[in-house]
All heavy atoms as atom14 arrays in JSON, in Angstrom:
{
  "sequence": "AIGGTLPVDYAMMAEFVPTAWRGRFLVYLESFWALGTIAVAALAWG",
  "atom14_mask": [
    [1, 1, 1, 1, 1, 0, 0, 0, 0, 0, 0, 0, 0, 0],
    [1, 1, 1, 1, 1, 1, 1, 1, 0, 0, 0, 0, 0, 0],
    [1, 1, 1, 1, 0, 0, 0, 0, 0, 0, 0, 0, 0, 0],
    [1, 1, 1, 1, 0, 0, 0, 0, 0, 0, 0, 0, 0, 0],
    [1, 1, 1, 1, 1, 1, 1, 0, 0, 0, 0, 0, 0, 0],
    [1, 1, 1, 1, 1, 1, 1, 1, 0, 0, 0, 0, 0, 0],
    [1, 1, 1, 1, 1, 1, 1, 0, 0, 0, 0, 0, 0, 0],
    [1, 1, 1, 1, 1, 1, 1, 0, 0, 0, 0, 0, 0, 0],
    [1, 1, 1, 1, 1, 1, 1, 1, 0, 0, 0, 0, 0, 0],
    [1, 1, 1, 1, 1, 1, 1, 1, 1, 1, 1, 1, 0, 0],
    [1, 1, 1, 1, 1, 0, 0, 0, 0, 0, 0, 0, 0, 0],
    [1, 1, 1, 1, 1, 1, 1, 1, 0, 0, 0, 0, 0, 0],
    [1, 1, 1, 1, 1, 1, 1, 1, 0, 0, 0, 0, 0, 0],
    [1, 1, 1, 1, 1, 0, 0, 0, 0, 0, 0, 0, 0, 0],
    [1, 1, 1, 1, 1, 1, 1, 1, 1, 0, 0, 0, 0, 0],
    [1, 1, 1, 1, 1, 1, 1, 1, 1, 1, 1, 0, 0, 0],
    [1, 1, 1, 1, 1, 1, 1, 0, 0, 0, 0, 0, 0, 0],
    [1, 1, 1, 1, 1, 1, 1, 0, 0, 0, 0, 0, 0, 0],
    [1, 1, 1, 1, 1, 1, 1, 0, 0, 0, 0, 0, 0, 0],
    [1, 1, 1, 1, 1, 0, 0, 0, 0, 0, 0, 0, 0, 0],
    [1, 1, 1, 1, 1, 1, 1, 1, 1, 1, 1, 1, 1, 1],
    [1, 1, 1, 1, 1, 1, 1, 1, 1, 1, 1, 0, 0, 0],
    [1, 1, 1, 1, 0, 0, 0, 0, 0, 0, 0, 0, 0, 0],
    [1, 1, 1, 1, 1, 1, 1, 1, 1, 1, 1, 0, 0, 0],
    [1, 1, 1, 1, 1, 1, 1, 1, 1, 1, 1, 0, 0, 0],
    [1, 1, 1, 1, 1, 1, 1, 1, 0, 0, 0, 0, 0, 0],
    [1, 1, 1, 1, 1, 1, 1, 0, 0, 0, 0, 0, 0, 0],
    [1, 1, 1, 1, 1, 1, 1, 1, 1, 1, 1, 1, 0, 0],
    [1, 1, 1, 1, 1, 1, 1, 1, 0, 0, 0, 0, 0, 0],
    [1, 1, 1, 1, 1, 1, 1, 1, 1, 0, 0, 0, 0, 0],
    [1, 1, 1, 1, 1, 1, 0, 0, 0, 0, 0, 0, 0, 0],
    [1, 1, 1, 1, 1, 1, 1, 1, 1, 1, 1, 0, 0, 0],
    [1, 1, 1, 1, 1, 1, 1, 1, 1, 1, 1, 1, 1, 1],
    [1, 1, 1, 1, 1, 0, 0, 0, 0, 0, 0, 0, 0, 0],
    [1, 1, 1, 1, 1, 1, 1, 1, 0, 0, 0, 0, 0, 0],
    [1, 1, 1, 1, 0, 0, 0, 0, 0, 0, 0, 0, 0, 0],
    [1, 1, 1, 1, 1, 1, 1, 0, 0, 0, 0, 0, 0, 0],
    [1, 1, 1, 1, 1, 1, 1, 1, 0, 0, 0, 0, 0, 0],
    [1, 1, 1, 1, 1, 0, 0, 0, 0, 0, 0, 0, 0, 0],
    [1, 1, 1, 1, 1, 1, 1, 0, 0, 0, 0, 0, 0, 0],
    [1, 1, 1, 1, 1, 0, 0, 0, 0, 0, 0, 0, 0, 0],
    [1, 1, 1, 1, 1, 0, 0, 0, 0, 0, 0, 0, 0, 0],
    [1, 1, 1, 1, 1, 1, 1, 1, 0, 0, 0, 0, 0, 0],
    [1, 1, 1, 1, 1, 0, 0, 0, 0, 0, 0, 0, 0, 0],
    [1, 1, 1, 1, 1, 1, 1, 1, 1, 1, 1, 1, 1, 1],
    [1, 1, 1, 1, 0, 0, 0, 0, 0, 0, 0, 0, 0, 0]
  ],
  "atom14_positions": [
    [[-87.21, -9.56, 126.5], [-88.29, -8.8, 127.13], [-87.75, -7.74, 128.09], [-88.1, -6.56, 127.98], [-89.22, -9.77, 127.87], [0.0, 0.0, 0.0], [0.0, 0.0, 0.0], [0.0, 0.0, 0.0], [0.0, 0.0, 0.0], [0.0, 0.0, 0.0], [0.0, 0.0, 0.0], [0.0, 0.0, 0.0], [0.0, 0.0, 0.0], [0.0, 0.0, 0.0]],
    [[-86.89, -8.14, 129.01], [-86.45, -7.17, 130.02], [-85.47, -6.15, 129.44], [-85.28, -5.08, 130.03], [-85.84, -7.88, 131.25], [-84.53, -8.61, 130.89], [-86.84, -8.82, 131.88], [-83.88, -9.27, 132.09], [0.0, 0.0, 0.0], [0.0, 0.0, 0.0], [0.0, 0.0, 0.0], [0.0, 0.0, 0.0], [0.0, 0.0, 0.0], [0.0, 0.0, 0.0]],
    [[-84.88, -6.45, 128.27], [-84.04, -5.45, 127.62], [-84.81, -4.19, 127.27], [-84.22, -3.11, 127.15], [0.0, 0.0, 0.0], [0.0, 0.0, 0.0], [0.0, 0.0, 0.0], [0.0, 0.0, 0.0], [0.0, 0.0, 0.0], [0.0, 0.0, 0.0], [0.0, 0.0, 0.0], [0.0, 0.0, 0.0], [0.0, 0.0, 0.0], [0.0, 0.0, 0.0]],
    [[-86.12, -4.3, 127.12], [-86.94, -3.13, 126.82], [-87.29, -2.28, 128.02], [-87.64, -1.11, 127.88], [0.0, 0.0, 0.0], [0.0, 0.0, 0.0], [0.0, 0.0, 0.0], [0.0, 0.0, 0.0], [0.0, 0.0, 0.0], [0.0, 0.0, 0.0], [0.0, 0.0, 0.0], [0.0, 0.0, 0.0], [0.0, 0.0, 0.0], [0.0, 0.0, 0.0]],
    [[-87.2, -2.85, 129.21], [-87.56, -2.06, 130.39], [-86.51, -0.99, 130.67], [-86.82, 0.07, 131.23], [-87.72, -2.95, 131.65], [-86.47, -3.6, 131.94], [-88.78, -4.0, 131.42], [0.0, 0.0, 0.0], [0.0, 0.0, 0.0], [0.0, 0.0, 0.0], [0.0, 0.0, 0.0], [0.0, 0.0, 0.0], [0.0, 0.0, 0.0], [0.0, 0.0, 0.0]],
    [[-85.25, -1.25, 130.29], [-84.18, -0.3, 130.59], [-84.4, 1.05, 129.92], [-84.49, 2.08, 130.6], [-82.83, -0.9, 130.21], [-81.59, -0.09, 130.56], [-80.4, -1.03, 130.74], [-81.25, 0.93, 129.48], [0.0, 0.0, 0.0], [0.0, 0.0, 0.0], [0.0, 0.0, 0.0], [0.0, 0.0, 0.0], [0.0, 0.0, 0.0], [0.0, 0.0, 0.0]],
    [[-84.49, 1.13, 128.58], [-84.65, 2.45, 127.97], [-85.97, 3.12, 128.33], [-86.02, 4.35, 128.48], [-84.57, 2.16, 126.47], [-84.89, 0.72, 126.32], [-84.4, 0.06, 127.57], [0.0, 0.0, 0.0], [0.0, 0.0, 0.0], [0.0, 0.0, 0.0], [0.0, 0.0, 0.0], [0.0, 0.0, 0.0], [0.0, 0.0, 0.0], [0.0, 0.0, 0.0]],
    [[-87.02, 2.33, 128.5], [-88.33, 2.92, 128.74], [-88.46, 3.43, 130.17], [-88.94, 4.54, 130.41], [-89.44, 1.91, 128.41], [-90.81, 2.48, 128.76], [-89.4, 1.55, 126.93], [0.0, 0.0, 0.0], [0.0, 0.0, 0.0], [0.0, 0.0, 0.0], [0.0, 0.0, 0.0], [0.0, 0.0, 0.0], [0.0, 0.0, 0.0], [0.0, 0.0, 0.0]],
    [[-88.07, 2.63, 131.15], [-88.21, 3.05, 132.54], [-87.42, 4.32, 132.82], [-87.9, 5.22, 133.53], [-87.75, 1.94, 133.48], [-88.79, 0.84, 133.63], [-89.6, 0.68, 132.7], [-88.8, 0.15, 134.66], [0.0, 0.0, 0.0], [0.0, 0.0, 0.0], [0.0, 0.0, 0.0], [0.0, 0.0, 0.0], [0.0, 0.0, 0.0], [0.0, 0.0, 0.0]],
    [[-86.21, 4.4, 132.28], [-85.39, 5.58, 132.55], [-85.9, 6.8, 131.8], [-85.82, 7.93, 132.31], [-83.92, 5.29, 132.25], [-83.29, 4.63, 133.45], [-83.36, 3.26, 133.61], [-82.71, 5.39, 134.45], [-82.84, 2.65, 134.73], [-82.2, 4.79, 135.58], [-82.26, 3.42, 135.71], [-81.77, 2.83, 136.85], [0.0, 0.0, 0.0], [0.0, 0.0, 0.0]],
    [[-86.43, 6.6, 130.61], [-87.04, 7.72, 129.9], [-88.28, 8.22, 130.65], [-88.48, 9.42, 130.83], [-87.4, 7.31, 128.47], [0.0, 0.0, 0.0], [0.0, 0.0, 0.0], [0.0, 0.0, 0.0], [0.0, 0.0, 0.0], [0.0, 0.0, 0.0], [0.0, 0.0, 0.0], [0.0, 0.0, 0.0], [0.0, 0.0, 0.0], [0.0, 0.0, 0.0]],
    [[-89.11, 7.3, 131.1], [-90.31, 7.68, 131.84], [-89.94, 8.45, 133.11], [-90.53, 9.5, 133.41], [-91.11, 6.43, 132.22], [-91.78, 5.74, 131.05], [-93.34, 6.51, 130.53], [-94.48, 5.75, 131.69], [0.0, 0.0, 0.0], [0.0, 0.0, 0.0], [0.0, 0.0, 0.0], [0.0, 0.0, 0.0], [0.0, 0.0, 0.0], [0.0, 0.0, 0.0]],
    [[-88.98, 7.94, 133.86], [-88.59, 8.61, 135.09], [-88.0, 9.99, 134.8], [-88.35, 10.98, 135.46], [-87.57, 7.75, 135.85], [-87.19, 8.28, 137.23], [-88.58, 8.36, 138.38], [-88.99, 6.62, 138.55], [0.0, 0.0, 0.0], [0.0, 0.0, 0.0], [0.0, 0.0, 0.0], [0.0, 0.0, 0.0], [0.0, 0.0, 0.0], [0.0, 0.0, 0.0]],
    [[-87.14, 10.08, 133.81], [-86.54, 11.37, 133.47], [-87.58, 12.38, 133.03], [-87.47, 13.58, 133.32], [-85.5, 11.19, 132.36], [0.0, 0.0, 0.0], [0.0, 0.0, 0.0], [0.0, 0.0, 0.0], [0.0, 0.0, 0.0], [0.0, 0.0, 0.0], [0.0, 0.0, 0.0], [0.0, 0.0, 0.0], [0.0, 0.0, 0.0], [0.0, 0.0, 0.0]],
    [[-88.63, 11.92, 132.35], [-89.62, 12.82, 131.77], [-90.74, 13.2, 132.72], [-91.54, 14.09, 132.41], [-90.18, 12.17, 130.49], [-89.13, 12.08, 129.39], [-89.53, 11.25, 128.19], [-90.65, 10.68, 128.21], [-88.74, 11.17, 127.23], [0.0, 0.0, 0.0], [0.0, 0.0, 0.0], [0.0, 0.0, 0.0], [0.0, 0.0, 0.0], [0.0, 0.0, 0.0]],
    [[-90.82, 12.57, 133.89], [-91.86, 12.9, 134.86], [-91.33, 13.62, 136.1], [-92.12, 14.09, 136.92], [-92.59, 11.63, 135.32], [-93.79, 11.27, 134.48], [-93.84, 10.07, 133.8], [-94.88, 12.13, 134.39], [-94.95, 9.72, 133.04], [-96.0, 11.79, 133.63], [-96.03, 10.58, 132.95], [0.0, 0.0, 0.0], [0.0, 0.0, 0.0], [0.0, 0.0, 0.0]],
    [[-90.0, 13.69, 136.27], [-89.43, 14.24, 137.51], [-88.98, 15.68, 137.28], [-88.38, 15.99, 136.24], [-88.24, 13.38, 137.99], [-87.56, 14.01, 139.21], [-88.73, 11.97, 138.34], [0.0, 0.0, 0.0], [0.0, 0.0, 0.0], [0.0, 0.0, 0.0], [0.0, 0.0, 0.0], [0.0, 0.0, 0.0], [0.0, 0.0, 0.0], [0.0, 0.0, 0.0]],
    [[-89.25, 16.6, 138.23], [-88.79, 17.99, 138.1], [-87.28, 18.08, 137.92], [-86.52, 17.23, 138.42], [-89.23, 18.64, 139.42], [-90.36, 17.8, 139.91], [-90.05, 16.41, 139.46], [0.0, 0.0, 0.0], [0.0, 0.0, 0.0], [0.0, 0.0, 0.0], [0.0, 0.0, 0.0], [0.0, 0.0, 0.0], [0.0, 0.0, 0.0], [0.0, 0.0, 0.0]],
    [[-86.84, 19.12, 137.23], [-85.43, 19.27, 136.88], [-84.51, 19.16, 138.08], [-83.47, 18.49, 138.02], [-85.21, 20.64, 136.19], [-86.08, 20.73, 135.05], [-83.77, 20.81, 135.76], [0.0, 0.0, 0.0], [0.0, 0.0, 0.0], [0.0, 0.0, 0.0], [0.0, 0.0, 0.0], [0.0, 0.0, 0.0], [0.0, 0.0, 0.0], [0.0, 0.0, 0.0]],
    [[-84.85, 19.8, 139.18], [-83.97, 19.85, 140.34], [-83.76, 18.49, 140.99], [-82.78, 18.28, 141.72], [-84.53, 20.83, 141.38], [0.0, 0.0, 0.0], [0.0, 0.0, 0.0], [0.0, 0.0, 0.0], [0.0, 0.0, 0.0], [0.0, 0.0, 0.0], [0.0, 0.0, 0.0], [0.0, 0.0, 0.0], [0.0, 0.0, 0.0], [0.0, 0.0, 0.0]],
    [[-84.68, 17.55, 140.76], [-84.63, 16.24, 141.4], [-84.3, 15.11, 140.44], [-84.12, 13.97, 140.86], [-85.97, 15.93, 142.06], [-86.2, 16.67, 143.34], [-86.74, 17.91, 143.49], [-85.9, 16.2, 144.65], [-86.78, 18.25, 144.82], [-86.27, 17.21, 145.56], [-85.34, 15.02, 145.16], [-86.12, 17.08, 146.94], [-85.19, 14.88, 146.53], [-85.57, 15.91, 147.4]],
    [[-84.2, 15.41, 139.15], [-84.15, 14.35, 138.15], [-82.94, 13.43, 138.32], [-83.08, 12.2, 138.33], [-84.15, 14.96, 136.74], [-84.33, 13.93, 135.65], [-84.5, 14.6, 134.31], [-83.38, 15.45, 133.97], [-83.47, 16.76, 133.72], [-84.64, 17.36, 133.76], [-82.39, 17.46, 133.41], [0.0, 0.0, 0.0], [0.0, 0.0, 0.0], [0.0, 0.0, 0.0]],
    [[-81.75, 13.99, 138.45], [-80.56, 13.16, 138.57], [-80.62, 12.25, 139.77], [-80.27, 11.06, 139.71], [0.0, 0.0, 0.0], [0.0, 0.0, 0.0], [0.0, 0.0, 0.0], [0.0, 0.0, 0.0], [0.0, 0.0, 0.0], [0.0, 0.0, 0.0], [0.0, 0.0, 0.0], [0.0, 0.0, 0.0], [0.0, 0.0, 0.0], [0.0, 0.0, 0.0]],
    [[-81.06, 12.8, 140.9], [-81.14, 12.01, 142.12], [-82.12, 10.85, 141.96], [-81.85, 9.73, 142.37], [-81.59, 12.93, 143.26], [-81.26, 12.45, 144.65], [-81.5, 13.55, 145.66], [-80.74, 14.76, 145.33], [-80.92, 15.93, 145.91], [-81.87, 16.08, 146.82], [-80.18, 16.96, 145.58], [0.0, 0.0, 0.0], [0.0, 0.0, 0.0], [0.0, 0.0, 0.0]],
    [[-83.27, 11.12, 141.33], [-84.27, 10.06, 141.18], [-83.8, 8.97, 140.22], [-84.11, 7.79, 140.41], [-85.6, 10.66, 140.7], [-86.59, 10.85, 141.82], [-86.33, 11.75, 142.84], [-87.75, 10.12, 141.87], [-87.21, 11.92, 143.88], [-88.66, 10.28, 142.91], [-88.38, 11.19, 143.93], [0.0, 0.0, 0.0], [0.0, 0.0, 0.0], [0.0, 0.0, 0.0]],
    [[-83.05, 9.35, 139.19], [-82.54, 8.34, 138.27], [-81.53, 7.43, 138.96], [-81.47, 6.23, 138.69], [-81.92, 9.02, 137.05], [-82.92, 9.72, 136.12], [-82.2, 10.52, 135.06], [-83.89, 8.72, 135.49], [0.0, 0.0, 0.0], [0.0, 0.0, 0.0], [0.0, 0.0, 0.0], [0.0, 0.0, 0.0], [0.0, 0.0, 0.0], [0.0, 0.0, 0.0]],
    [[-80.74, 7.97, 139.88], [-79.84, 7.13, 140.66], [-80.63, 6.28, 141.65], [-80.33, 5.11, 141.87], [-78.78, 7.97, 141.4], [-77.87, 7.06, 142.24], [-77.93, 8.76, 140.42], [0.0, 0.0, 0.0], [0.0, 0.0, 0.0], [0.0, 0.0, 0.0], [0.0, 0.0, 0.0], [0.0, 0.0, 0.0], [0.0, 0.0, 0.0], [0.0, 0.0, 0.0]],
    [[-81.67, 6.88, 142.26], [-82.52, 6.09, 143.17], [-83.1, 4.88, 142.44], [-83.15, 3.77, 143.0], [-83.69, 6.95, 143.68], [-83.34, 8.02, 144.67], [-84.21, 9.08, 144.91], [-82.13, 8.01, 145.37], [-83.91, 10.08, 145.82], [-81.82, 9.01, 146.27], [-82.71, 10.05, 146.5], [-82.41, 11.04, 147.39], [0.0, 0.0, 0.0], [0.0, 0.0, 0.0]],
    [[-83.55, 5.1, 141.2], [-84.1, 3.98, 140.43], [-83.05, 2.91, 140.21], [-83.31, 1.71, 140.4], [-84.66, 4.48, 139.1], [-85.2, 3.42, 138.14], [-86.26, 2.55, 138.82], [-85.77, 4.07, 136.88], [0.0, 0.0, 0.0], [0.0, 0.0, 0.0], [0.0, 0.0, 0.0], [0.0, 0.0, 0.0], [0.0, 0.0, 0.0], [0.0, 0.0, 0.0]],
    [[-81.86, 3.3, 139.81], [-80.79, 2.32, 139.59], [-80.43, 1.58, 140.88], [-80.03, 0.42, 140.84], [-79.57, 3.04, 139.0], [-78.27, 2.27, 139.03], [-78.27, 1.01, 138.19], [-79.25, 0.76, 137.47], [-77.29, 0.24, 138.27], [0.0, 0.0, 0.0], [0.0, 0.0, 0.0], [0.0, 0.0, 0.0], [0.0, 0.0, 0.0], [0.0, 0.0, 0.0]],
    [[-80.62, 2.23, 142.04], [-80.26, 1.59, 143.31], [-81.13, 0.38, 143.61], [-80.74, -0.48, 144.41], [-80.35, 2.59, 144.46], [-81.7, 2.96, 144.72], [0.0, 0.0, 0.0], [0.0, 0.0, 0.0], [0.0, 0.0, 0.0], [0.0, 0.0, 0.0], [0.0, 0.0, 0.0], [0.0, 0.0, 0.0], [0.0, 0.0, 0.0], [0.0, 0.0, 0.0]],
    [[-82.29, 0.27, 142.97], [-83.11, -0.93, 143.16], [-82.42, -2.16, 142.6], [-82.8, -3.28, 142.93], [-84.49, -0.74, 142.5], [-85.45, 0.05, 143.35], [-85.46, 1.43, 143.3], [-86.34, -0.59, 144.19], [-86.33, 2.17, 144.08], [-87.22, 0.14, 144.98], [-87.23, 1.53, 144.93], [0.0, 0.0, 0.0], [0.0, 0.0, 0.0], [0.0, 0.0, 0.0]],
    [[-81.42, -1.94, 141.73], [-80.63, -3.08, 141.25], [-79.96, -3.78, 142.43], [-79.89, -5.01, 142.47], [-79.59, -2.59, 140.26], [-78.82, -3.67, 139.58], [-77.7, -4.3, 140.02], [-79.15, -4.29, 138.32], [-77.28, -5.25, 139.12], [-78.16, -5.26, 138.07], [-80.16, -4.08, 137.39], [-78.16, -6.04, 136.91], [-80.17, -4.86, 136.24], [-79.18, -5.83, 136.02]],
    [[-79.49, -2.99, 143.39], [-78.86, -3.59, 144.57], [-79.87, -4.42, 145.35], [-79.53, -5.5, 145.86], [-78.27, -2.5, 145.46], [0.0, 0.0, 0.0], [0.0, 0.0, 0.0], [0.0, 0.0, 0.0], [0.0, 0.0, 0.0], [0.0, 0.0, 0.0], [0.0, 0.0, 0.0], [0.0, 0.0, 0.0], [0.0, 0.0, 0.0], [0.0, 0.0, 0.0]],
    [[-81.11, -3.94, 145.45], [-82.13, -4.71, 146.17], [-82.41, -6.03, 145.45], [-82.59, -7.07, 146.1], [-83.41, -3.89, 146.28], [-83.31, -2.58, 147.06], [-84.68, -1.91, 147.15], [-82.75, -2.83, 148.47], [0.0, 0.0, 0.0], [0.0, 0.0, 0.0], [0.0, 0.0, 0.0], [0.0, 0.0, 0.0], [0.0, 0.0, 0.0], [0.0, 0.0, 0.0]],
    [[-82.43, -6.0, 144.12], [-82.62, -7.24, 143.38], [-81.45, -8.18, 143.55], [-81.63, -9.41, 143.66], [0.0, 0.0, 0.0], [0.0, 0.0, 0.0], [0.0, 0.0, 0.0], [0.0, 0.0, 0.0], [0.0, 0.0, 0.0], [0.0, 0.0, 0.0], [0.0, 0.0, 0.0], [0.0, 0.0, 0.0], [0.0, 0.0, 0.0], [0.0, 0.0, 0.0]],
    [[-80.23, -7.62, 143.59], [-79.03, -8.44, 143.81], [-79.08, -9.1, 145.17], [-78.78, -10.3, 145.32], [-77.77, -7.58, 143.69], [-77.77, -6.91, 142.43], [-76.51, -8.42, 143.8], [0.0, 0.0, 0.0], [0.0, 0.0, 0.0], [0.0, 0.0, 0.0], [0.0, 0.0, 0.0], [0.0, 0.0, 0.0], [0.0, 0.0, 0.0], [0.0, 0.0, 0.0]],
    [[-79.45, -8.33, 146.19], [-79.57, -8.87, 147.54], [-80.64, -9.95, 147.59], [-80.45, -11.01, 148.19], [-79.89, -7.73, 148.53], [-78.7, -6.78, 148.65], [-80.27, -8.29, 149.91], [-79.02, -5.47, 149.34], [0.0, 0.0, 0.0], [0.0, 0.0, 0.0], [0.0, 0.0, 0.0], [0.0, 0.0, 0.0], [0.0, 0.0, 0.0], [0.0, 0.0, 0.0]],
    [[-81.76, -9.69, 146.92], [-82.87, -10.65, 146.94], [-82.48, -11.97, 146.28], [-82.77, -13.05, 146.81], [-84.09, -10.05, 146.24], [0.0, 0.0, 0.0], [0.0, 0.0, 0.0], [0.0, 0.0, 0.0], [0.0, 0.0, 0.0], [0.0, 0.0, 0.0], [0.0, 0.0, 0.0], [0.0, 0.0, 0.0], [0.0, 0.0, 0.0], [0.0, 0.0, 0.0]],
    [[-81.82, -11.91, 145.11], [-81.48, -13.16, 144.42], [-80.4, -13.92, 145.19], [-80.42, -15.16, 145.26], [-81.07, -12.89, 142.96], [-79.71, -12.24, 142.85], [-81.11, -14.18, 142.14], [0.0, 0.0, 0.0], [0.0, 0.0, 0.0], [0.0, 0.0, 0.0], [0.0, 0.0, 0.0], [0.0, 0.0, 0.0], [0.0, 0.0, 0.0], [0.0, 0.0, 0.0]],
    [[-79.46, -13.18, 145.8], [-78.42, -13.86, 146.6], [-79.04, -14.53, 147.82], [-78.7, -15.68, 148.16], [-77.35, -12.85, 147.02], [0.0, 0.0, 0.0], [0.0, 0.0, 0.0], [0.0, 0.0, 0.0], [0.0, 0.0, 0.0], [0.0, 0.0, 0.0], [0.0, 0.0, 0.0], [0.0, 0.0, 0.0], [0.0, 0.0, 0.0], [0.0, 0.0, 0.0]],
    [[-79.96, -13.83, 148.49], [-80.62, -14.39, 149.68], [-81.49, -15.58, 149.3], [-81.53, -16.6, 150.01], [-81.45, -13.31, 150.37], [0.0, 0.0, 0.0], [0.0, 0.0, 0.0], [0.0, 0.0, 0.0], [0.0, 0.0, 0.0], [0.0, 0.0, 0.0], [0.0, 0.0, 0.0], [0.0, 0.0, 0.0], [0.0, 0.0, 0.0], [0.0, 0.0, 0.0]],
    [[-82.2, -15.45, 148.17], [-83.06, -16.55, 147.72], [-82.22, -17.77, 147.36], [-82.57, -18.91, 147.73], [-83.88, -16.08, 146.51], [-84.89, -17.08, 145.94], [-85.94, -17.45, 146.99], [-85.58, -16.48, 144.71], [0.0, 0.0, 0.0], [0.0, 0.0, 0.0], [0.0, 0.0, 0.0], [0.0, 0.0, 0.0], [0.0, 0.0, 0.0], [0.0, 0.0, 0.0]],
    [[-81.13, -17.57, 146.65], [-80.25, -18.68, 146.29], [-79.66, -19.34, 147.53], [-79.57, -20.58, 147.61], [-79.13, -18.19, 145.37], [0.0, 0.0, 0.0], [0.0, 0.0, 0.0], [0.0, 0.0, 0.0], [0.0, 0.0, 0.0], [0.0, 0.0, 0.0], [0.0, 0.0, 0.0], [0.0, 0.0, 0.0], [0.0, 0.0, 0.0], [0.0, 0.0, 0.0]],
    [[-79.26, -18.54, 148.48], [-78.71, -19.06, 149.74], [-79.75, -19.89, 150.48], [-79.48, -21.01, 150.92], [-78.23, -17.89, 150.58], [-77.64, -18.26, 151.91], [-77.16, -19.48, 152.31], [-77.48, -17.4, 153.04], [-76.7, -19.43, 153.61], [-76.88, -18.16, 154.08], [-77.77, -16.05, 153.27], [-76.59, -17.61, 155.33], [-77.47, -15.51, 154.51], [-76.89, -16.29, 155.53]],
    [[-80.98, -19.35, 150.58], [-82.04, -20.07, 151.29], [-82.4, -21.38, 150.61], [-82.55, -22.42, 151.26], [0.0, 0.0, 0.0], [0.0, 0.0, 0.0], [0.0, 0.0, 0.0], [0.0, 0.0, 0.0], [0.0, 0.0, 0.0], [0.0, 0.0, 0.0], [0.0, 0.0, 0.0], [0.0, 0.0, 0.0], [0.0, 0.0, 0.0], [0.0, 0.0, 0.0]]
  ]
}
């Protein structure tokens, strides 16, 4: 299931963001991976 979110989410973000901001926003989206990593580590610790 989650294997499908990768190609679709990045295509959606790339196709809705203005050219000048597109690269930055795609990295911003990937940075949420760090938030998920922090969340699962904190949850496991707790």
